[in-house]
Amino acid sequence: MAALVLFDLDGTLVDSAVDLLNALNRVLNREGQPALLLETIRPVVSKGGRAMLRVAFPERDDAAREELLPPFLAAYAEAVAEHSTAFDGVEEVLHAIEANGSRWGIVTNKPFYLAVGVVATMGWNERCAILLGADSLPKKKPDPDQLLHACEHLGVTPQDCVYVGDDERDIVAARAAGMKSIAALWGYREAHEDPADWRPDASADIPRDLLRPGLLAP
């Protein structure tokens, strides 16, 4: 097993779609529009708040939607992990990493202050070796800077690290950082997206697949 296993957060470790949907529906209600169903928003959750707002307000331009981002994030911050849970099998994977003597951390494009709230609710504060959010560094995924910083901070070479994520930018960032990438096929993606096109080094259908012999090896 690699000395360090890094994960994306939303759609990889945590199913946060319901809390994000509730926040988005609060904004829709404020704007006098009907609420959305979970299946409408779930495929784009990993692409962030702007992508969710594009689904919710397709008739508005980018500038108009940008004005809705602060109230959306504020609504989400008020109940950041009320209904969020770790995906089935995630705890088993994390315990296996720890039992091996390896470390694990989180590199997400979620704003850091929101990611902190999710990680705390999951009870991972003392276990997570490093947590980096979208605003922790000047650049975020698909740039490799966050992944490289995590390795440098923890004294691990990228070649002895694995990154697991459910979005194309996760795989692109890992490849640019020179570390093994694993596509989390249980995560959030749109119907037209084929993870094979991202060219990950490996893929896993469910979290427990990560425990297959050699899959978390660098």
C-alpha atoms as a PDB file:
ATOM      1  CA  MET A   1       0.000   0.000   0.000  1.00  0.00           C
ATOM      2  CA  ALA A   2       1.138   3.533  -0.731  1.00  0.00           C
ATOM      3  CA  ALA A   3       2.547   5.527   2.166  1.00  0.00           C
ATOM      4  CA  LEU A   4      -0.103   8.197   1.540  1.00  0.00           C
ATOM      5  CA  VAL A   5      -3.591   7.851   0.061  1.00  0.00           C
ATOM      6  CA  LEU A   6      -5.308  11.119  -0.810  1.00  0.00           C
ATOM      7  CA  PHE A   7      -9.010  11.434  -1.528  1.00  0.00           C
ATOM      8  CA  ASP A   8     -11.401  13.903  -3.034  1.00  0.00           C
ATOM      9  CA  LEU A   9     -14.252  14.677  -0.625  1.00  0.00           C
ATOM     10  CA  ASP A  10     -17.702  15.075  -2.214  1.00  0.00           C
ATOM     11  CA  GLY A  11     -18.654  12.051  -4.284  1.00  0.00           C
ATOM     12  CA  THR A  12     -15.599  10.098  -3.151  1.00  0.00           C
ATOM     13  CA  LEU A  13     -15.571   9.895   0.638  1.00  0.00           C
ATOM     14  CA  VAL A  14     -18.851  11.628   1.442  1.00  0.00           C
ATOM     15  CA  ASP A  15     -22.312  11.634  -0.106  1.00  0.00           C
ATOM     16  CA  SER A  16     -23.175  15.294   0.427  1.00  0.00           C
ATOM     17  CA  ALA A  17     -25.747  15.727  -2.349  1.00  0.00           C
ATOM     18  CA  VAL A  18     -28.812  16.112  -0.115  1.00  0.00           C
ATOM     19  CA  ASP A  19     -27.315  18.937   1.942  1.00  0.00           C
ATOM     20  CA  LEU A  20     -26.210  20.747  -1.209  1.00  0.00           C
ATOM     21  CA  LEU A  21     -29.639  20.262  -2.767  1.00  0.00           C
ATOM     22  CA  ASN A  22     -31.330  21.705   0.319  1.00  0.00           C
ATOM     23  CA  ALA A  23     -29.112  24.794   0.152  1.00  0.00           C
ATOM     24  CA  LEU A  24     -29.774  25.210  -3.552  1.00  0.00           C
ATOM     25  CA  ASN A  25     -33.523  24.889  -3.040  1.00  0.00           C
ATOM     26  CA  ARG A  26     -33.389  27.645  -0.442  1.00  0.00           C
ATOM     27  CA  VAL A  27     -31.908  29.937  -3.090  1.00  0.00           C
ATOM     28  CA  LEU A  28     -34.501  28.821  -5.641  1.00  0.00           C
ATOM     29  CA  ASN A  29     -37.271  29.565  -3.149  1.00  0.00           C
ATOM     30  CA  ARG A  30     -35.821  33.002  -2.488  1.00  0.00           C
ATOM     31  CA  GLU A  31     -35.819  33.629  -6.248  1.00  0.00           C
ATOM     32  CA  GLY A  32     -39.426  32.492  -6.577  1.00  0.00           C
ATOM     33  CA  GLN A  33     -38.640  29.289  -8.440  1.00  0.00           C
ATOM     34  CA  PRO A  34     -39.729  25.699  -7.713  1.00  0.00           C
ATOM     35  CA  ALA A  35     -37.483  23.290  -5.874  1.00  0.00           C
ATOM     36  CA  LEU A  36     -35.363  20.721  -7.724  1.00  0.00           C
ATOM     37  CA  LEU A  37     -35.303  16.983  -7.156  1.00  0.00           C
ATOM     38  CA  LEU A  38     -32.149  15.209  -6.057  1.00  0.00           C
ATOM     39  CA  GLU A  39     -31.680  13.371  -9.355  1.00  0.00           C
ATOM     40  CA  THR A  40     -31.529  16.718 -11.155  1.00  0.00           C
ATOM     41  CA  ILE A  41     -28.572  18.031  -9.201  1.00  0.00           C
ATOM     42  CA  ARG A  42     -26.703  14.900  -8.118  1.00  0.00           C
ATOM     43  CA  PRO A  43     -24.717  14.353 -11.375  1.00  0.00           C
ATOM     44  CA  VAL A  44     -22.984  17.752 -11.126  1.00  0.00           C
ATOM     45  CA  VAL A  45     -22.305  17.924  -7.377  1.00  0.00           C
ATOM     46  CA  SER A  46     -18.578  17.167  -7.813  1.00  0.00           C
ATOM     47  CA  LYS A  47     -18.249  20.066 -10.237  1.00  0.00           C
ATOM     48  CA  GLY A  48     -19.007  22.613  -7.523  1.00  0.00           C
ATOM     49  CA  GLY A  49     -21.425  25.382  -6.685  1.00  0.00           C
ATOM     50  CA  ARG A  50     -21.279  27.147 -10.026  1.00  0.00           C
ATOM     51  CA  ALA A  51     -22.181  23.954 -11.871  1.00  0.00           C
ATOM     52  CA  MET A  52     -25.124  23.401  -9.545  1.00  0.00           C
ATOM     53  CA  LEU A  53     -26.310  26.948 -10.074  1.00  0.00           C
ATOM     54  CA  ARG A  54     -26.086  26.459 -13.855  1.00  0.00           C
ATOM     55  CA  VAL A  55     -28.516  23.545 -13.517  1.00  0.00           C
ATOM     56  CA  ALA A  56     -30.819  25.498 -11.212  1.00  0.00           C
ATOM     57  CA  PHE A  57     -30.796  28.750 -13.218  1.00  0.00           C
ATOM     58  CA  PRO A  58     -30.098  27.831 -16.865  1.00  0.00           C
ATOM     59  CA  GLU A  59     -31.814  30.982 -18.127  1.00  0.00           C
ATOM     60  CA  ARG A  60     -29.379  33.315 -16.352  1.00  0.00           C
ATOM     61  CA  ASP A  61     -25.942  34.296 -17.566  1.00  0.00           C
ATOM     62  CA  ASP A  62     -22.720  33.628 -15.682  1.00  0.00           C
ATOM     63  CA  ALA A  63     -22.650  37.062 -14.057  1.00  0.00           C
ATOM     64  CA  ALA A  64     -26.189  36.725 -12.733  1.00  0.00           C
ATOM     65  CA  ARG A  65     -25.499  33.246 -11.395  1.00  0.00           C
ATOM     66  CA  GLU A  66     -22.298  34.433  -9.743  1.00  0.00           C
ATOM     67  CA  GLU A  67     -24.387  36.765  -7.588  1.00  0.00           C
ATOM     68  CA  LEU A  68     -26.236  33.718  -6.275  1.00  0.00           C
ATOM     69  CA  LEU A  69     -23.088  31.854  -5.233  1.00  0.00           C
ATOM     70  CA  PRO A  70     -22.587  33.638  -1.858  1.00  0.00           C
ATOM     71  CA  PRO A  71     -26.177  33.036  -0.671  1.00  0.00           C
ATOM     72  CA  PHE A  72     -25.954  29.415  -1.837  1.00  0.00           C
ATOM     73  CA  LEU A  73     -22.730  28.842   0.106  1.00  0.00           C
ATOM     74  CA  ALA A  74     -24.156  30.650   3.133  1.00  0.00           C
ATOM     75  CA  ALA A  75     -27.232  28.425   3.112  1.00  0.00           C
ATOM     76  CA  TYR A  76     -25.039  25.351   2.797  1.00  0.00           C
ATOM     77  CA  ALA A  77     -22.748  26.484   5.630  1.00  0.00           C
ATOM     78  CA  GLU A  78     -25.736  26.650   7.991  1.00  0.00           C
ATOM     79  CA  ALA A  79     -26.308  22.882   7.580  1.00  0.00           C
ATOM     80  CA  VAL A  80     -23.068  21.703   6.042  1.00  0.00           C
ATOM     81  CA  ALA A  81     -23.394  18.032   6.916  1.00  0.00           C
ATOM     82  CA  GLU A  82     -26.858  17.573   8.359  1.00  0.00           C
ATOM     83  CA  HIS A  83     -27.694  14.689   6.037  1.00  0.00           C
ATOM     84  CA  SER A  84     -24.247  13.863   4.628  1.00  0.00           C
ATOM     85  CA  THR A  85     -22.774  10.441   5.280  1.00  0.00           C
ATOM     86  CA  ALA A  86     -19.654   8.537   4.336  1.00  0.00           C
ATOM     87  CA  PHE A  87     -20.280   6.208   1.413  1.00  0.00           C
ATOM     88  CA  ASP A  88     -20.777   2.585   2.406  1.00  0.00           C
ATOM     89  CA  GLY A  89     -17.376   0.952   2.793  1.00  0.00           C
ATOM     90  CA  VAL A  90     -15.383   4.170   3.196  1.00  0.00           C
ATOM     91  CA  GLU A  91     -14.736   3.652   6.905  1.00  0.00           C
ATOM     92  CA  GLU A  92     -13.511   0.133   6.179  1.00  0.00           C
ATOM     93  CA  VAL A  93     -11.051   1.521   3.638  1.00  0.00           C
ATOM     94  CA  LEU A  94      -9.799   4.247   5.969  1.00  0.00           C
ATOM     95  CA  HIS A  95      -9.271   1.764   8.800  1.00  0.00           C
ATOM     96  CA  ALA A  96      -7.348  -0.538   6.449  1.00  0.00           C
ATOM     97  CA  ILE A  97      -5.043   2.319   5.439  1.00  0.00           C
ATOM     98  CA  GLU A  98      -4.404   3.152   9.085  1.00  0.00           C
ATOM     99  CA  ALA A  99      -3.870  -0.498  10.018  1.00  0.00           C
ATOM    100  CA  ASN A 100      -1.219  -0.714   7.309  1.00  0.00           C
ATOM    101  CA  GLY A 101       0.693   2.157   8.912  1.00  0.00           C
ATOM    102  CA  SER A 102      -0.057   4.441   5.972  1.00  0.00           C
ATOM    103  CA  ARG A 103      -1.682   7.856   6.158  1.00  0.00           C
ATOM    104  CA  TRP A 104      -4.632   9.368   4.340  1.00  0.00           C
ATOM    105  CA  GLY A 105      -5.730  12.898   3.596  1.00  0.00           C
ATOM    106  CA  ILE A 106      -8.268  14.952   1.683  1.00  0.00           C
ATOM    107  CA  VAL A 107      -7.708  17.292  -1.261  1.00  0.00           C
ATOM    108  CA  THR A 108     -10.941  18.934  -2.384  1.00  0.00           C
ATOM    109  CA  ASN A 109     -12.089  21.878  -4.459  1.00  0.00           C
ATOM    110  CA  LYS A 110     -14.682  22.638  -1.781  1.00  0.00           C
ATOM    111  CA  PRO A 111     -13.885  25.886   0.085  1.00  0.00           C
ATOM    112  CA  PHE A 112     -11.734  25.019   3.090  1.00  0.00           C
ATOM    113  CA  TYR A 113     -14.135  26.376   5.730  1.00  0.00           C
ATOM    114  CA  LEU A 114     -16.902  24.136   4.372  1.00  0.00           C
ATOM    115  CA  ALA A 115     -14.645  21.103   4.055  1.00  0.00           C
ATOM    116  CA  VAL A 116     -13.608  21.520   7.704  1.00  0.00           C
ATOM    117  CA  GLY A 117     -17.245  21.312   8.736  1.00  0.00           C
ATOM    118  CA  VAL A 118     -17.830  18.111   6.788  1.00  0.00           C
ATOM    119  CA  VAL A 119     -14.668  16.443   8.076  1.00  0.00           C
ATOM    120  CA  ALA A 120     -15.506  17.369  11.667  1.00  0.00           C
ATOM    121  CA  THR A 121     -19.026  15.972  11.339  1.00  0.00           C
ATOM    122  CA  MET A 122     -17.614  12.703   9.991  1.00  0.00           C
ATOM    123  CA  GLY A 123     -15.363  12.491  13.051  1.00  0.00           C
ATOM    124  CA  TRP A 124     -12.183  12.509  10.979  1.00  0.00           C
ATOM    125  CA  ASN A 125     -10.326  15.472  12.470  1.00  0.00           C
ATOM    126  CA  GLU A 126      -7.751  13.403  14.332  1.00  0.00           C
ATOM    127  CA  ARG A 127      -7.374  10.798  11.613  1.00  0.00           C
ATOM    128  CA  CYS A 128      -6.997  12.914   8.472  1.00  0.00           C
ATOM    129  CA  ALA A 129      -3.301  13.690   7.946  1.00  0.00           C
ATOM    130  CA  ILE A 130      -3.975  16.754   5.787  1.00  0.00           C
ATOM    131  CA  LEU A 131      -6.993  18.676   4.507  1.00  0.00           C
ATOM    132  CA  LEU A 132      -6.667  21.092   1.598  1.00  0.00           C
ATOM    133  CA  GLY A 133      -9.555  23.066   0.133  1.00  0.00           C
ATOM    134  CA  ALA A 134     -10.071  25.103  -3.008  1.00  0.00           C
ATOM    135  CA  ASP A 135      -8.709  28.238  -1.360  1.00  0.00           C
ATOM    136  CA  SER A 136      -5.818  26.658   0.556  1.00  0.00           C
ATOM    137  CA  LEU A 137      -3.427  27.484  -2.305  1.00  0.00           C
ATOM    138  CA  PRO A 138      -3.555  29.874  -5.272  1.00  0.00           C
ATOM    139  CA  LYS A 139      -4.345  27.001  -7.657  1.00  0.00           C
ATOM    140  CA  LYS A 140      -6.726  24.068  -7.316  1.00  0.00           C
ATOM    141  CA  LYS A 141      -7.494  20.901  -9.275  1.00  0.00           C
ATOM    142  CA  PRO A 142      -7.019  20.166 -12.152  1.00  0.00           C
ATOM    143  CA  ASP A 143      -3.682  21.849 -11.368  1.00  0.00           C
ATOM    144  CA  PRO A 144      -1.452  19.510  -9.358  1.00  0.00           C
ATOM    145  CA  ASP A 145      -0.384  22.074  -6.758  1.00  0.00           C
ATOM    146  CA  GLN A 146      -2.636  20.827  -3.933  1.00  0.00           C
ATOM    147  CA  LEU A 147      -1.497  17.235  -4.376  1.00  0.00           C
ATOM    148  CA  LEU A 148       2.159  18.184  -4.553  1.00  0.00           C
ATOM    149  CA  HIS A 149       1.807  20.385  -1.465  1.00  0.00           C
ATOM    150  CA  ALA A 150       0.200  17.528   0.467  1.00  0.00           C
ATOM    151  CA  CYS A 151       3.114  15.248  -0.397  1.00  0.00           C
ATOM    152  CA  GLU A 152       5.711  17.863   0.485  1.00  0.00           C
ATOM    153  CA  HIS A 153       3.998  18.735   3.773  1.00  0.00           C
ATOM    154  CA  LEU A 154       3.842  15.087   4.829  1.00  0.00           C
ATOM    155  CA  GLY A 155       7.292  14.158   3.548  1.00  0.00           C
ATOM    156  CA  VAL A 156       6.088  11.692   0.926  1.00  0.00           C
ATOM    157  CA  THR A 157       7.116  11.571  -2.727  1.00  0.00           C
ATOM    158  CA  PRO A 158       4.302  11.708  -5.305  1.00  0.00           C
ATOM    159  CA  GLN A 159       5.500   8.317  -6.543  1.00  0.00           C
ATOM    160  CA  ASP A 160       4.556   6.838  -3.142  1.00  0.00           C
ATOM    161  CA  CYS A 161       1.092   8.396  -3.138  1.00  0.00           C
ATOM    162  CA  VAL A 162      -2.269   7.457  -4.631  1.00  0.00           C
ATOM    163  CA  TYR A 163      -5.137   9.852  -5.350  1.00  0.00           C
ATOM    164  CA  VAL A 164      -8.778   8.721  -5.483  1.00  0.00           C
ATOM    165  CA  GLY A 165     -11.461  10.946  -7.013  1.00  0.00           C
ATOM    166  CA  ASP A 166     -14.752  10.853  -8.892  1.00  0.00           C
ATOM    167  CA  ASP A 167     -14.213  13.708 -11.361  1.00  0.00           C
ATOM    168  CA  GLU A 168     -12.006  14.131 -14.425  1.00  0.00           C
ATOM    169  CA  ARG A 169     -10.084  16.986 -12.836  1.00  0.00           C
ATOM    170  CA  ASP A 170      -9.062  14.617 -10.027  1.00  0.00           C
ATOM    171  CA  ILE A 171      -7.459  12.259 -12.517  1.00  0.00           C
ATOM    172  CA  VAL A 172      -5.856  15.106 -14.485  1.00  0.00           C
ATOM    173  CA  ALA A 173      -4.364  16.587 -11.294  1.00  0.00           C
ATOM    174  CA  ALA A 174      -2.973  13.244 -10.138  1.00  0.00           C
ATOM    175  CA  ARG A 175      -1.384  12.565 -13.510  1.00  0.00           C
ATOM    176  CA  ALA A 176       0.204  16.034 -13.550  1.00  0.00           C
ATOM    177  CA  ALA A 177       1.520  15.447 -10.022  1.00  0.00           C
ATOM    178  CA  GLY A 178       3.122  12.166 -11.043  1.00  0.00           C
ATOM    179  CA  MET A 179       1.058   9.984  -8.734  1.00  0.00           C
ATOM    180  CA  LYS A 180      -1.227   7.028  -9.337  1.00  0.00           C
ATOM    181  CA  SER A 181      -4.874   7.916  -9.941  1.00  0.00           C
ATOM    182  CA  ILE A 182      -7.968   5.857  -9.166  1.00  0.00           C
ATOM    183  CA  ALA A 183     -11.402   6.799 -10.520  1.00  0.00           C
ATOM    184  CA  ALA A 184     -14.169   6.440  -7.922  1.00  0.00           C
ATOM    185  CA  LEU A 185     -17.008   5.142 -10.095  1.00  0.00           C
ATOM    186  CA  TRP A 186     -19.543   5.368  -7.260  1.00  0.00           C
ATOM    187  CA  GLY A 187     -19.360   9.155  -7.279  1.00  0.00           C
ATOM    188  CA  TYR A 188     -21.162  11.968  -9.055  1.00  0.00           C
ATOM    189  CA  ARG A 189     -20.954  12.319 -12.820  1.00  0.00           C
ATOM    190  CA  GLU A 190     -23.151  13.231 -15.756  1.00  0.00           C
ATOM    191  CA  ALA A 191     -24.612  10.597 -18.073  1.00  0.00           C
ATOM    192  CA  HIS A 192     -22.367  11.591 -20.987  1.00  0.00           C
ATOM    193  CA  GLU A 193     -19.153  11.221 -18.980  1.00  0.00           C
ATOM    194  CA  ASP A 194     -17.096   8.061 -19.427  1.00  0.00           C
ATOM    195  CA  PRO A 195     -14.380   7.756 -16.748  1.00  0.00           C
ATOM    196  CA  ALA A 196     -12.334   5.599 -19.119  1.00  0.00           C
ATOM    197  CA  ASP A 197     -11.817   8.743 -21.204  1.00  0.00           C
ATOM    198  CA  TRP A 198     -10.077  10.359 -18.224  1.00  0.00           C
ATOM    199  CA  ARG A 199      -7.320   7.711 -18.447  1.00  0.00           C
ATOM    200  CA  PRO A 200      -7.057   6.828 -14.738  1.00  0.00           C
ATOM    201  CA  ASP A 201      -4.463   4.286 -13.711  1.00  0.00           C
ATOM    202  CA  ALA A 202      -7.226   2.203 -12.115  1.00  0.00           C
ATOM    203  CA  SER A 203     -10.882   2.407 -11.158  1.00  0.00           C
ATOM    204  CA  ALA A 204     -13.140   1.111  -8.402  1.00  0.00           C
ATOM    205  CA  ASP A 205     -16.886   0.471  -8.639  1.00  0.00           C
ATOM    206  CA  ILE A 206     -17.491   0.750  -4.883  1.00  0.00           C
ATOM    207  CA  PRO A 207     -15.279   1.921  -1.993  1.00  0.00           C
ATOM    208  CA  ARG A 208     -14.506  -1.617  -0.817  1.00  0.00           C
ATOM    209  CA  ASP A 209     -12.955  -2.347  -4.224  1.00  0.00           C
ATOM    210  CA  LEU A 210     -10.083  -0.144  -3.108  1.00  0.00           C
ATOM    211  CA  LEU A 211      -9.111  -2.995  -0.808  1.00  0.00           C
ATOM    212  CA  ARG A 212      -8.408  -5.351  -3.706  1.00  0.00           C
ATOM    213  CA  PRO A 213      -4.790  -6.528  -3.476  1.00  0.00           C
ATOM    214  CA  GLY A 214      -2.468  -3.982  -5.046  1.00  0.00           C
ATOM    215  CA  LEU A 215      -5.053  -1.367  -5.949  1.00  0.00           C
ATOM    216  CA  LEU A 216      -3.795   1.149  -3.371  1.00  0.00           C
ATOM    217  CA  ALA A 217      -0.182   0.313  -4.174  1.00  0.00           C
ATOM    218  CA  PRO A 218       1.694   3.205  -5.755  1.00  0.00           C
END
